[in-house]
C-alpha atoms as a PDB file:
ATOM      1  CA  MET A   1     -19.346   1.746  15.254  1.00  0.00           C
ATOM      2  CA  ILE A   2     -15.661   0.844  15.291  1.00  0.00           C
ATOM      3  CA  ASP A   3     -14.736  -2.211  17.366  1.00  0.00           C
ATOM      4  CA  PHE A   4     -11.644  -0.663  18.947  1.00  0.00           C
ATOM      5  CA  GLU A   5     -10.489  -3.926  20.474  1.00  0.00           C
ATOM      6  CA  LEU A   6     -10.700  -5.717  17.109  1.00  0.00           C
ATOM      7  CA  ASP A   7      -8.881  -2.804  15.491  1.00  0.00           C
ATOM      8  CA  SER A   8      -6.088  -3.094  18.072  1.00  0.00           C
ATOM      9  CA  PHE A   9      -5.734  -6.825  17.344  1.00  0.00           C
ATOM     10  CA  LYS A  10      -5.229  -6.004  13.662  1.00  0.00           C
ATOM     11  CA  ARG A  11      -2.382  -3.667  14.693  1.00  0.00           C
ATOM     12  CA  MET A  12      -0.741  -6.262  16.952  1.00  0.00           C
ATOM     13  CA  ASP A  13       2.745  -7.278  15.829  1.00  0.00           C
ATOM     14  CA  PHE A  14       1.941 -10.010  13.297  1.00  0.00           C
ATOM     15  CA  VAL A  15       5.460 -11.401  13.110  1.00  0.00           C
ATOM     16  CA  GLU A  16       5.824 -11.831  16.861  1.00  0.00           C
ATOM     17  CA  PHE A  17       2.380 -13.343  17.353  1.00  0.00           C
ATOM     18  CA  VAL A  18       2.619 -15.974  14.613  1.00  0.00           C
ATOM     19  CA  ARG A  19       5.862 -17.195  16.155  1.00  0.00           C
ATOM     20  CA  THR A  20       3.660 -18.548  18.951  1.00  0.00           C
ATOM     21  CA  MET A  21       1.880 -20.632  16.296  1.00  0.00           C
ATOM     22  CA  GLY A  22       5.058 -22.249  14.996  1.00  0.00           C
ATOM     23  CA  TYR A  23       6.028 -19.799  12.245  1.00  0.00           C
ATOM     24  CA  GLU A  24       9.573 -18.540  11.804  1.00  0.00           C
ATOM     25  CA  LEU A  25      10.806 -15.420  10.052  1.00  0.00           C
ATOM     26  CA  ASP A  26      12.795 -16.074   6.873  1.00  0.00           C
ATOM     27  CA  GLU A  27      15.302 -13.224   7.161  1.00  0.00           C
ATOM     28  CA  ARG A  28      16.931 -14.036   3.813  1.00  0.00           C
ATOM     29  CA  GLU A  29      13.744 -13.341   1.857  1.00  0.00           C
ATOM     30  CA  SER A  30      12.289 -10.613   4.066  1.00  0.00           C
ATOM     31  CA  THR A  31      12.759  -6.901   3.447  1.00  0.00           C
ATOM     32  CA  ARG A  32      12.311  -3.866   5.693  1.00  0.00           C
ATOM     33  CA  SER A  33       8.662  -3.615   4.650  1.00  0.00           C
ATOM     34  CA  SER A  34       7.613  -7.215   3.854  1.00  0.00           C
ATOM     35  CA  PHE A  35       8.147 -10.233   6.093  1.00  0.00           C
ATOM     36  CA  VAL A  36       8.264 -13.841   4.914  1.00  0.00           C
ATOM     37  CA  LEU A  37       7.205 -16.446   7.476  1.00  0.00           C
ATOM     38  CA  ARG A  38       7.189 -20.241   7.216  1.00  0.00           C
ATOM     39  CA  ASP A  39       5.982 -23.106   9.380  1.00  0.00           C
ATOM     40  CA  GLY A  40       7.161 -26.707   9.568  1.00  0.00           C
ATOM     41  CA  GLY A  41       4.352 -27.890   7.307  1.00  0.00           C
ATOM     42  CA  GLY A  42       5.481 -25.876   4.292  1.00  0.00           C
ATOM     43  CA  ASP A  43       3.083 -22.939   4.665  1.00  0.00           C
ATOM     44  CA  LYS A  44       4.613 -19.653   3.510  1.00  0.00           C
ATOM     45  CA  VAL A  45       2.989 -16.300   4.165  1.00  0.00           C
ATOM     46  CA  ILE A  46       4.065 -12.732   3.496  1.00  0.00           C
ATOM     47  CA  ALA A  47       3.025  -9.993   5.923  1.00  0.00           C
ATOM     48  CA  LYS A  48       3.295  -6.218   5.988  1.00  0.00           C
ATOM     49  CA  THR A  49       1.487  -3.188   7.372  1.00  0.00           C
ATOM     50  CA  ASN A  50      -0.949  -1.291   5.165  1.00  0.00           C
ATOM     51  CA  GLU A  51      -1.590   2.465   5.015  1.00  0.00           C
ATOM     52  CA  GLY A  52      -4.043   2.220   7.906  1.00  0.00           C
ATOM     53  CA  GLY A  53      -1.478   0.605  10.207  1.00  0.00           C
ATOM     54  CA  HIS A  54      -3.109  -2.848  10.111  1.00  0.00           C
ATOM     55  CA  TRP A  55      -1.004  -5.917   9.498  1.00  0.00           C
ATOM     56  CA  VAL A  56      -2.125  -7.824   6.406  1.00  0.00           C
ATOM     57  CA  TYR A  57      -0.864 -11.120   5.032  1.00  0.00           C
ATOM     58  CA  PHE A  58      -1.340 -13.510   2.141  1.00  0.00           C
ATOM     59  CA  SER A  59      -0.393 -17.133   1.603  1.00  0.00           C
ATOM     60  CA  VAL A  60       1.881 -17.898  -1.326  1.00  0.00           C
ATOM     61  CA  ARG A  61       0.187 -21.287  -1.766  1.00  0.00           C
ATOM     62  CA  ASP A  62      -3.456 -20.206  -1.574  1.00  0.00           C
ATOM     63  CA  PRO A  63      -4.531 -16.851  -3.106  1.00  0.00           C
ATOM     64  CA  ALA A  64      -7.809 -17.041  -1.147  1.00  0.00           C
ATOM     65  CA  ASP A  65      -5.898 -17.155   2.146  1.00  0.00           C
ATOM     66  CA  HIS A  66      -5.291 -13.505   3.021  1.00  0.00           C
ATOM     67  CA  GLY A  67      -6.444 -10.791   5.400  1.00  0.00           C
ATOM     68  CA  THR A  68      -5.526  -9.498   8.848  1.00  0.00           C
ATOM     69  CA  LEU A  69      -4.065 -11.239  11.885  1.00  0.00           C
ATOM     70  CA  VAL A  70      -7.617 -12.083  12.969  1.00  0.00           C
ATOM     71  CA  ASP A  71      -8.256 -13.844   9.645  1.00  0.00           C
ATOM     72  CA  PHE A  72      -4.915 -15.653   9.916  1.00  0.00           C
ATOM     73  CA  VAL A  73      -5.775 -17.097  13.334  1.00  0.00           C
ATOM     74  CA  GLN A  74      -9.325 -18.039  12.332  1.00  0.00           C
ATOM     75  CA  ARG A  75      -8.169 -19.925   9.242  1.00  0.00           C
ATOM     76  CA  ARG A  76      -5.487 -21.863  11.084  1.00  0.00           C
ATOM     77  CA  THR A  77      -7.389 -22.696  14.252  1.00  0.00           C
ATOM     78  CA  GLY A  78     -10.931 -23.034  12.902  1.00  0.00           C
ATOM     79  CA  GLU A  79     -12.126 -20.970  15.862  1.00  0.00           C
ATOM     80  CA  GLY A  80     -14.944 -18.455  15.750  1.00  0.00           C
ATOM     81  CA  LEU A  81     -14.364 -14.751  16.161  1.00  0.00           C
ATOM     82  CA  GLY A  82     -15.181 -14.836  19.882  1.00  0.00           C
ATOM     83  CA  HIS A  83     -12.557 -17.484  20.634  1.00  0.00           C
ATOM     84  CA  VAL A  84      -9.993 -15.742  18.449  1.00  0.00           C
ATOM     85  CA  LYS A  85     -10.548 -12.485  20.343  1.00  0.00           C
ATOM     86  CA  LYS A  86     -10.057 -14.347  23.616  1.00  0.00           C
ATOM     87  CA  ARG A  87      -6.796 -15.846  22.350  1.00  0.00           C
ATOM     88  CA  LEU A  88      -5.466 -12.473  21.167  1.00  0.00           C
ATOM     89  CA  ARG A  89      -6.666 -10.728  24.316  1.00  0.00           C
ATOM     90  CA  GLY A  90      -4.676 -13.151  26.441  1.00  0.00           C
ATOM     91  CA  HIS A  91      -1.584 -12.654  24.326  1.00  0.00           C
ATOM     92  CA  ALA A  92      -1.936  -8.866  24.603  1.00  0.00           C
ATOM     93  CA  ARG A  93      -2.099  -9.078  28.407  1.00  0.00           C
ATOM     94  CA  GLN A  94       1.061 -11.199  28.533  1.00  0.00           C
ATOM     95  CA  ASN A  95       2.886  -9.037  25.979  1.00  0.00           C
ATOM     96  CA  PRO A  96       1.633  -5.470  26.448  1.00  0.00           C
ATOM     97  CA  SER A  97       4.414  -3.996  24.324  1.00  0.00           C
ATOM     98  CA  LEU A  98       3.052  -5.870  21.295  1.00  0.00           C
ATOM     99  CA  SER A  99      -0.579  -4.885  21.759  1.00  0.00           C
ATOM    100  CA  TYR A 100      -0.580  -1.637  19.815  1.00  0.00           C
ATOM    101  CA  ARG A 101       1.933  -1.338  17.016  1.00  0.00           C
ATOM    102  CA  PRO A 102       2.330   2.160  15.516  1.00  0.00           C
ATOM    103  CA  ALA A 103       1.058   2.563  11.996  1.00  0.00           C
ATOM    104  CA  CYS A 104       3.762   2.201   9.346  1.00  0.00           C
ATOM    105  CA  LYS A 105       4.036   3.981   6.041  1.00  0.00           C
ATOM    106  CA  PRO A 106       4.682   1.746   3.035  1.00  0.00           C
ATOM    107  CA  SER A 107       8.412   1.288   2.465  1.00  0.00           C
ATOM    108  CA  LEU A 108      10.489   4.477   2.490  1.00  0.00           C
ATOM    109  CA  THR A 109       9.670   8.039   1.552  1.00  0.00           C
ATOM    110  CA  ALA A 110      12.522   8.340  -0.914  1.00  0.00           C
ATOM    111  CA  SER A 111      10.179   9.773  -3.531  1.00  0.00           C
ATOM    112  CA  VAL A 112       9.824  13.014  -1.561  1.00  0.00           C
ATOM    113  CA  GLN A 113      13.390  13.339  -0.285  1.00  0.00           C
ATOM    114  CA  GLY A 114      16.406  15.084  -1.759  1.00  0.00           C
ATOM    115  CA  ASP A 115      17.005  17.901  -4.201  1.00  0.00           C
ATOM    116  CA  GLU A 116      14.027  18.457  -6.502  1.00  0.00           C
ATOM    117  CA  GLY A 117      15.927  20.684  -8.961  1.00  0.00           C
ATOM    118  CA  TYR A 118      16.258  17.830 -11.459  1.00  0.00           C
ATOM    119  CA  ARG A 119      12.508  17.997 -12.084  1.00  0.00           C
ATOM    120  CA  LYS A 120      12.968  21.252 -13.988  1.00  0.00           C
ATOM    121  CA  LYS A 121      15.390  19.496 -16.324  1.00  0.00           C
ATOM    122  CA  VAL A 122      12.981  16.600 -16.828  1.00  0.00           C
ATOM    123  CA  ALA A 123      10.122  18.989 -17.596  1.00  0.00           C
ATOM    124  CA  ALA A 124      12.252  20.968 -20.066  1.00  0.00           C
ATOM    125  CA  VAL A 125      13.419  17.874 -21.951  1.00  0.00           C
ATOM    126  CA  TRP A 126       9.876  16.506 -22.101  1.00  0.00           C
ATOM    127  CA  LYS A 127       8.455  19.831 -23.285  1.00  0.00           C
ATOM    128  CA  ALA A 128      11.065  20.077 -26.052  1.00  0.00           C
ATOM    129  CA  ALA A 129      10.127  16.629 -27.372  1.00  0.00           C
ATOM    130  CA  ARG A 130       6.968  16.004 -29.389  1.00  0.00           C
ATOM    131  CA  TRP A 131       4.255  13.357 -29.439  1.00  0.00           C
ATOM    132  CA  GLU A 132       4.846  11.262 -32.566  1.00  0.00           C
ATOM    133  CA  PRO A 133       2.260   8.494 -33.122  1.00  0.00           C
ATOM    134  CA  GLU A 134       4.420   6.665 -35.701  1.00  0.00           C
ATOM    135  CA  PRO A 135       8.085   7.002 -34.651  1.00  0.00           C
ATOM    136  CA  ALA A 136      10.493   5.170 -36.925  1.00  0.00           C
ATOM    137  CA  TYR A 137      12.344   3.474 -34.083  1.00  0.00           C
ATOM    138  CA  LEU A 138       9.239   1.893 -32.565  1.00  0.00           C
ATOM    139  CA  LEU A 139       7.907   0.892 -35.983  1.00  0.00           C
ATOM    140  CA  GLY A 140      11.240  -0.828 -36.477  1.00  0.00           C
ATOM    141  CA  ARG A 141      10.642  -2.781 -33.279  1.00  0.00           C
ATOM    142  CA  GLY A 142       7.512  -4.322 -34.775  1.00  0.00           C
ATOM    143  CA  LEU A 143       4.990  -2.063 -33.091  1.00  0.00           C
ATOM    144  CA  THR A 144       2.086  -0.969 -35.290  1.00  0.00           C
ATOM    145  CA  LYS A 145       0.703   2.534 -35.634  1.00  0.00           C
ATOM    146  CA  GLU A 146      -2.624   1.218 -34.251  1.00  0.00           C
ATOM    147  CA  THR A 147      -0.891   0.084 -31.056  1.00  0.00           C
ATOM    148  CA  MET A 148       0.966   3.342 -30.554  1.00  0.00           C
ATOM    149  CA  ALA A 149      -2.152   5.423 -31.235  1.00  0.00           C
ATOM    150  CA  ALA A 150      -4.278   3.463 -28.748  1.00  0.00           C
ATOM    151  CA  VAL A 151      -5.889   5.777 -26.195  1.00  0.00           C
ATOM    152  CA  LEU A 152      -4.036   4.215 -23.287  1.00  0.00           C
ATOM    153  CA  PHE A 153      -0.658   5.075 -24.879  1.00  0.00           C
ATOM    154  CA  VAL A 154      -1.287   8.515 -26.394  1.00  0.00           C
ATOM    155  CA  ASP A 155       1.498  10.915 -25.280  1.00  0.00           C
ATOM    156  CA  THR A 156       3.013   8.335 -22.926  1.00  0.00           C
ATOM    157  CA  PHE A 157       6.183   8.629 -25.021  1.00  0.00           C
ATOM    158  CA  ARG A 158       7.675  11.375 -27.182  1.00  0.00           C
ATOM    159  CA  GLN A 159      10.407  11.790 -29.777  1.00  0.00           C
ATOM    160  CA  ASP A 160      13.198  14.347 -29.452  1.00  0.00           C
ATOM    161  CA  LYS A 161      15.030  16.164 -32.283  1.00  0.00           C
ATOM    162  CA  LYS A 162      17.593  13.365 -32.548  1.00  0.00           C
ATOM    163  CA  GLY A 163      14.914  10.723 -33.050  1.00  0.00           C
ATOM    164  CA  ASN A 164      15.326   9.309 -29.544  1.00  0.00           C
ATOM    165  CA  ILE A 165      12.179   7.974 -27.908  1.00  0.00           C
ATOM    166  CA  LEU A 166      11.531   9.275 -24.395  1.00  0.00           C
ATOM    167  CA  PHE A 167       9.468   7.243 -21.935  1.00  0.00           C
ATOM    168  CA  PRO A 168       8.686   9.427 -18.877  1.00  0.00           C
ATOM    169  CA  HIS A 169       8.938   8.067 -15.335  1.00  0.00           C
ATOM    170  CA  PHE A 170       6.785   9.304 -12.481  1.00  0.00           C
ATOM    171  CA  ASP A 171       6.903   9.205  -8.698  1.00  0.00           C
ATOM    172  CA  ARG A 172       4.415  10.549  -6.135  1.00  0.00           C
ATOM    173  CA  GLN A 173       5.381  14.153  -6.941  1.00  0.00           C
ATOM    174  CA  GLY A 174       5.102  13.921 -10.729  1.00  0.00           C
ATOM    175  CA  MET A 175       7.529  13.379 -13.604  1.00  0.00           C
ATOM    176  CA  CYS A 176      10.958  12.515 -12.228  1.00  0.00           C
ATOM    177  CA  GLY A 177      12.974  11.063 -15.122  1.00  0.00           C
ATOM    178  CA  TYR A 178      12.887   9.464 -18.536  1.00  0.00           C
ATOM    179  CA  GLU A 179      14.203   6.471 -20.449  1.00  0.00           C
ATOM    180  CA  LEU A 180      15.888   7.061 -23.804  1.00  0.00           C
ATOM    181  CA  ARG A 181      15.667   4.464 -26.581  1.00  0.00           C
ATOM    182  CA  ASN A 182      17.008   4.399 -30.116  1.00  0.00           C
ATOM    183  CA  VAL A 183      18.732   1.999 -32.507  1.00  0.00           C
ATOM    184  CA  GLY A 184      21.649   0.434 -30.643  1.00  0.00           C
ATOM    185  CA  PHE A 185      21.130   2.670 -27.624  1.00  0.00           C
ATOM    186  CA  LYS A 186      19.191   2.691 -24.383  1.00  0.00           C
ATOM    187  CA  GLY A 187      19.804   4.727 -21.293  1.00  0.00           C
ATOM    188  CA  PHE A 188      18.271   6.962 -18.641  1.00  0.00           C
ATOM    189  CA  GLY A 189      18.253  10.736 -18.438  1.00  0.00           C
ATOM    190  CA  ALA A 190      21.427  11.989 -16.754  1.00  0.00           C
ATOM    191  CA  ASP A 191      20.876  13.304 -13.223  1.00  0.00           C
ATOM    192  CA  THR A 192      17.193  12.301 -13.249  1.00  0.00           C
ATOM    193  CA  LYS A 193      15.405   9.708 -11.106  1.00  0.00           C
ATOM    194  CA  LYS A 194      13.828   6.416 -12.045  1.00  0.00           C
ATOM    195  CA  GLY A 195      10.211   5.945 -11.007  1.00  0.00           C
ATOM    196  CA  LEU A 196       7.563   4.050 -12.979  1.00  0.00           C
ATOM    197  CA  TRP A 197       6.259   4.476 -16.511  1.00  0.00           C
ATOM    198  CA  TYR A 198       2.568   3.738 -16.883  1.00  0.00           C
ATOM    199  CA  SER A 199      -0.265   3.844 -19.405  1.00  0.00           C
ATOM    200  CA  ASN A 200      -3.039   6.437 -19.277  1.00  0.00           C
ATOM    201  CA  ASN A 201      -5.622   4.010 -17.861  1.00  0.00           C
ATOM    202  CA  CYS A 202      -3.519   2.619 -15.043  1.00  0.00           C
ATOM    203  CA  VAL A 203      -5.355   4.413 -12.228  1.00  0.00           C
ATOM    204  CA  SER A 204      -8.752   2.851 -12.986  1.00  0.00           C
ATOM    205  CA  ALA A 205      -7.952  -0.387 -14.860  1.00  0.00           C
ATOM    206  CA  LEU A 206      -9.244  -3.609 -13.297  1.00  0.00           C
ATOM    207  CA  SER A 207      -6.167  -5.454 -14.565  1.00  0.00           C
ATOM    208  CA  ILE A 208      -2.597  -4.180 -14.392  1.00  0.00           C
ATOM    209  CA  VAL A 209       0.262  -5.725 -16.340  1.00  0.00           C
ATOM    210  CA  ILE A 210       3.808  -5.072 -15.125  1.00  0.00           C
ATOM    211  CA  CYS A 211       6.666  -5.457 -17.617  1.00  0.00           C
ATOM    212  CA  GLU A 212      10.368  -4.755 -17.476  1.00  0.00           C
ATOM    213  CA  SER A 213      10.300  -2.133 -20.239  1.00  0.00           C
ATOM    214  CA  SER A 214       7.837   0.257 -21.817  1.00  0.00           C
ATOM    215  CA  ILE A 215       8.385  -1.386 -25.223  1.00  0.00           C
ATOM    216  CA  ASP A 216       7.414  -4.713 -23.682  1.00  0.00           C
ATOM    217  CA  CYS A 217       4.222  -3.083 -22.388  1.00  0.00           C
ATOM    218  CA  LEU A 218       3.265  -1.891 -25.872  1.00  0.00           C
ATOM    219  CA  SER A 219       4.229  -5.272 -27.324  1.00  0.00           C
ATOM    220  CA  HIS A 220       2.106  -7.151 -24.775  1.00  0.00           C
ATOM    221  CA  PHE A 221      -0.888  -4.979 -25.634  1.00  0.00           C
ATOM    222  CA  GLN A 222      -0.369  -5.572 -29.366  1.00  0.00           C
ATOM    223  CA  LEU A 223      -0.268  -9.325 -28.750  1.00  0.00           C
ATOM    224  CA  HIS A 224      -3.125  -9.609 -26.264  1.00  0.00           C
ATOM    225  CA  GLY A 225      -5.282  -6.491 -26.562  1.00  0.00           C
ATOM    226  CA  GLY A 226      -7.790  -5.883 -23.781  1.00  0.00           C
ATOM    227  CA  ASP A 227      -8.304  -2.990 -21.387  1.00  0.00           C
ATOM    228  CA  ALA A 228      -5.501  -3.643 -18.893  1.00  0.00           C
ATOM    229  CA  GLY A 229      -3.334  -0.853 -17.582  1.00  0.00           C
ATOM    230  CA  TYR A 230       0.435  -1.146 -18.052  1.00  0.00           C
ATOM    231  CA  VAL A 231       3.400  -0.374 -15.798  1.00  0.00           C
ATOM    232  CA  SER A 232       7.088  -0.518 -16.733  1.00  0.00           C
ATOM    233  CA  LEU A 233       9.844  -0.995 -14.172  1.00  0.00           C
ATOM    234  CA  GLY A 234      12.574   0.229 -16.500  1.00  0.00           C
ATOM    235  CA  GLY A 235      15.062  -2.260 -15.052  1.00  0.00           C
ATOM    236  CA  ALA A 236      16.214  -3.055 -11.531  1.00  0.00           C
ATOM    237  CA  ILE A 237      13.832  -2.238  -8.688  1.00  0.00           C
ATOM    238  CA  GLY A 238      15.257   0.457  -6.420  1.00  0.00           C
ATOM    239  CA  THR A 239      14.057   2.017  -3.170  1.00  0.00           C
ATOM    240  CA  ARG A 240      11.962   4.687  -4.894  1.00  0.00           C
ATOM    241  CA  GLN A 241      10.251   2.063  -7.042  1.00  0.00           C
ATOM    242  CA  ARG A 242       9.543  -0.229  -4.095  1.00  0.00           C
ATOM    243  CA  ASP A 243       7.750   2.673  -2.450  1.00  0.00           C
ATOM    244  CA  LEU A 244       5.718   3.399  -5.589  1.00  0.00           C
ATOM    245  CA  LEU A 245       4.894  -0.255  -6.231  1.00  0.00           C
ATOM    246  CA  THR A 246       3.729  -0.720  -2.642  1.00  0.00           C
ATOM    247  CA  GLY A 247       1.266   2.117  -3.153  1.00  0.00           C
ATOM    248  CA  LEU A 248       0.177   0.729  -6.514  1.00  0.00           C
ATOM    249  CA  PHE A 249      -0.578  -2.681  -5.001  1.00  0.00           C
ATOM    250  CA  ILE A 250      -2.562  -1.185  -2.136  1.00  0.00           C
ATOM    251  CA  LYS A 251      -4.694   0.849  -4.557  1.00  0.00           C
ATOM    252  CA  ALA A 252      -5.186  -2.186  -6.799  1.00  0.00           C
ATOM    253  CA  GLN A 253      -6.371  -4.225  -3.815  1.00  0.00           C
ATOM    254  CA  ARG A 254      -8.900  -1.531  -2.885  1.00  0.00           C
ATOM    255  CA  ARG A 255     -10.600  -1.802  -6.276  1.00  0.00           C
ATOM    256  CA  SER A 256     -10.096  -5.613  -6.519  1.00  0.00           C
ATOM    257  CA  ALA A 257      -7.850  -5.272  -9.571  1.00  0.00           C
ATOM    258  CA  ARG A 258      -5.756  -8.154 -10.863  1.00  0.00           C
ATOM    259  CA  VAL A 259      -2.025  -7.592 -11.109  1.00  0.00           C
ATOM    260  CA  ILE A 260      -0.122  -9.663 -13.677  1.00  0.00           C
ATOM    261  CA  VAL A 261       3.664  -9.752 -13.593  1.00  0.00           C
ATOM    262  CA  ALA A 262       4.767 -10.130 -17.215  1.00  0.00           C
ATOM    263  CA  THR A 263       8.515  -9.768 -16.791  1.00  0.00           C
ATOM    264  CA  ASP A 264      10.973 -11.558 -19.066  1.00  0.00           C
ATOM    265  CA  ASN A 265      11.129 -15.303 -19.583  1.00  0.00           C
ATOM    266  CA  ASP A 266      14.476 -15.745 -17.847  1.00  0.00           C
ATOM    267  CA  ALA A 267      16.045 -15.947 -14.389  1.00  0.00           C
ATOM    268  CA  PRO A 268      16.061 -12.153 -13.774  1.00  0.00           C
ATOM    269  CA  GLY A 269      12.386 -12.060 -14.830  1.00  0.00           C
ATOM    270  CA  GLU A 270      11.581 -14.663 -12.175  1.00  0.00           C
ATOM    271  CA  GLN A 271      13.555 -12.690  -9.605  1.00  0.00           C
ATOM    272  CA  TYR A 272      11.531  -9.579 -10.419  1.00  0.00           C
ATOM    273  CA  PHE A 273       8.353 -11.585  -9.864  1.00  0.00           C
ATOM    274  CA  GLU A 274       9.588 -12.751  -6.459  1.00  0.00           C
ATOM    275  CA  GLN A 275      10.554  -9.199  -5.463  1.00  0.00           C
ATOM    276  CA  LEU A 276       7.180  -7.837  -6.512  1.00  0.00           C
ATOM    277  CA  GLN A 277       5.340 -10.589  -4.674  1.00  0.00           C
ATOM    278  CA  LEU A 278       7.147  -9.621  -1.469  1.00  0.00           C
ATOM    279  CA  LEU A 279       5.851  -6.063  -1.855  1.00  0.00           C
ATOM    280  CA  SER A 280       2.235  -7.021  -2.534  1.00  0.00           C
ATOM    281  CA  PRO A 281      -0.380  -7.754   0.171  1.00  0.00           C
ATOM    282  CA  PHE A 282      -2.126 -10.206  -2.202  1.00  0.00           C
ATOM    283  CA  ALA A 283      -1.045 -12.914  -4.605  1.00  0.00           C
ATOM    284  CA  LEU A 284       0.163 -11.722  -8.000  1.00  0.00           C
ATOM    285  CA  GLU A 285      -0.316 -13.591 -11.265  1.00  0.00           C
ATOM    286  CA  ARG A 286       2.584 -14.561 -13.517  1.00  0.00           C
ATOM    287  CA  GLN A 287       2.625 -14.477 -17.308  1.00  0.00           C
ATOM    288  CA  THR A 288       5.674 -15.094 -19.491  1.00  0.00           C
ATOM    289  CA  PRO A 289       6.362 -14.559 -23.189  1.00  0.00           C
ATOM    290  CA  CYS A 290       7.306 -17.435 -25.468  1.00  0.00           C
ATOM    291  CA  GLY A 291      10.608 -15.756 -26.288  1.00  0.00           C
ATOM    292  CA  LYS A 292      12.812 -13.823 -23.908  1.00  0.00           C
ATOM    293  CA  ASP A 293      10.502 -10.806 -23.827  1.00  0.00           C
ATOM    294  CA  TRP A 294       7.220  -9.604 -25.331  1.00  0.00           C
ATOM    295  CA  ASN A 295       8.877  -7.634 -28.097  1.00  0.00           C
ATOM    296  CA  ASP A 296      10.617 -10.825 -29.221  1.00  0.00           C
ATOM    297  CA  ASP A 297       7.178 -12.427 -29.538  1.00  0.00           C
ATOM    298  CA  LEU A 298       6.172  -9.821 -32.119  1.00  0.00           C
ATOM    299  CA  SER A 299       8.737 -11.239 -34.530  1.00  0.00           C
ATOM    300  CA  PRO A 300       7.620 -14.160 -36.741  1.00  0.00           C
ATOM    301  CA  ALA A 301       8.970 -17.560 -35.683  1.00  0.00           C
END
């Protein structure tokens, strides 16, 4: 049976309650969907609401320190569940407006808003292109035919009549845009939307590697092998992508999947890692290439 009182405590405004325990909101690092809180002792936690409307948090310092508001209080007070309930019950009586916080949807719903006519264009361009397991451009980037023919990458890119490589992007509704790559050229489909590119095994993989580009994803696989799923950001993280990444992290947490941020070995790569960590309800791992990016690492020293 559901413990309705315990469920209500998990919906209680996390940010407001932890202020009573000496934590302050870091507005500079917080976003509309993820809240960064610090105490005087150097503890830093990130909190957000999940799809069920419960507040969840994780500690940046200790990956094992995560859970709901109830877990947060237990870990920091050492009290048993009964005493924690008593503490939260008293707070709820004194602050009735904070007792039951409405469930929140992850981030914004940008992926289902606006004119959907562009999807027809995306579908037409993709249909006109063809799956090519050994495209000259990607071979020229150091990728092998074995890498490109791997099951997880089959038909995750295509080649058009001009020899451009198309990497499709997806949102919650399906294909929404595409990256274009060729010698001396990279861009995004005009009047289309950026979502996420991902490998065929991303939905079920127990490890997910996030890179800045699709070519970096293929390069990482060629260097490290394994059965990880791959996700490409395709550049700066926008509102639509924050929404999609929030959902990806929630699904990864449900199946206890690892998420490895393998963005570039430079300042923007570190900034991407920090942005992604703010969106995730659990601690992410960080992996960097020896060179600037993973495709650079394919080249001999």
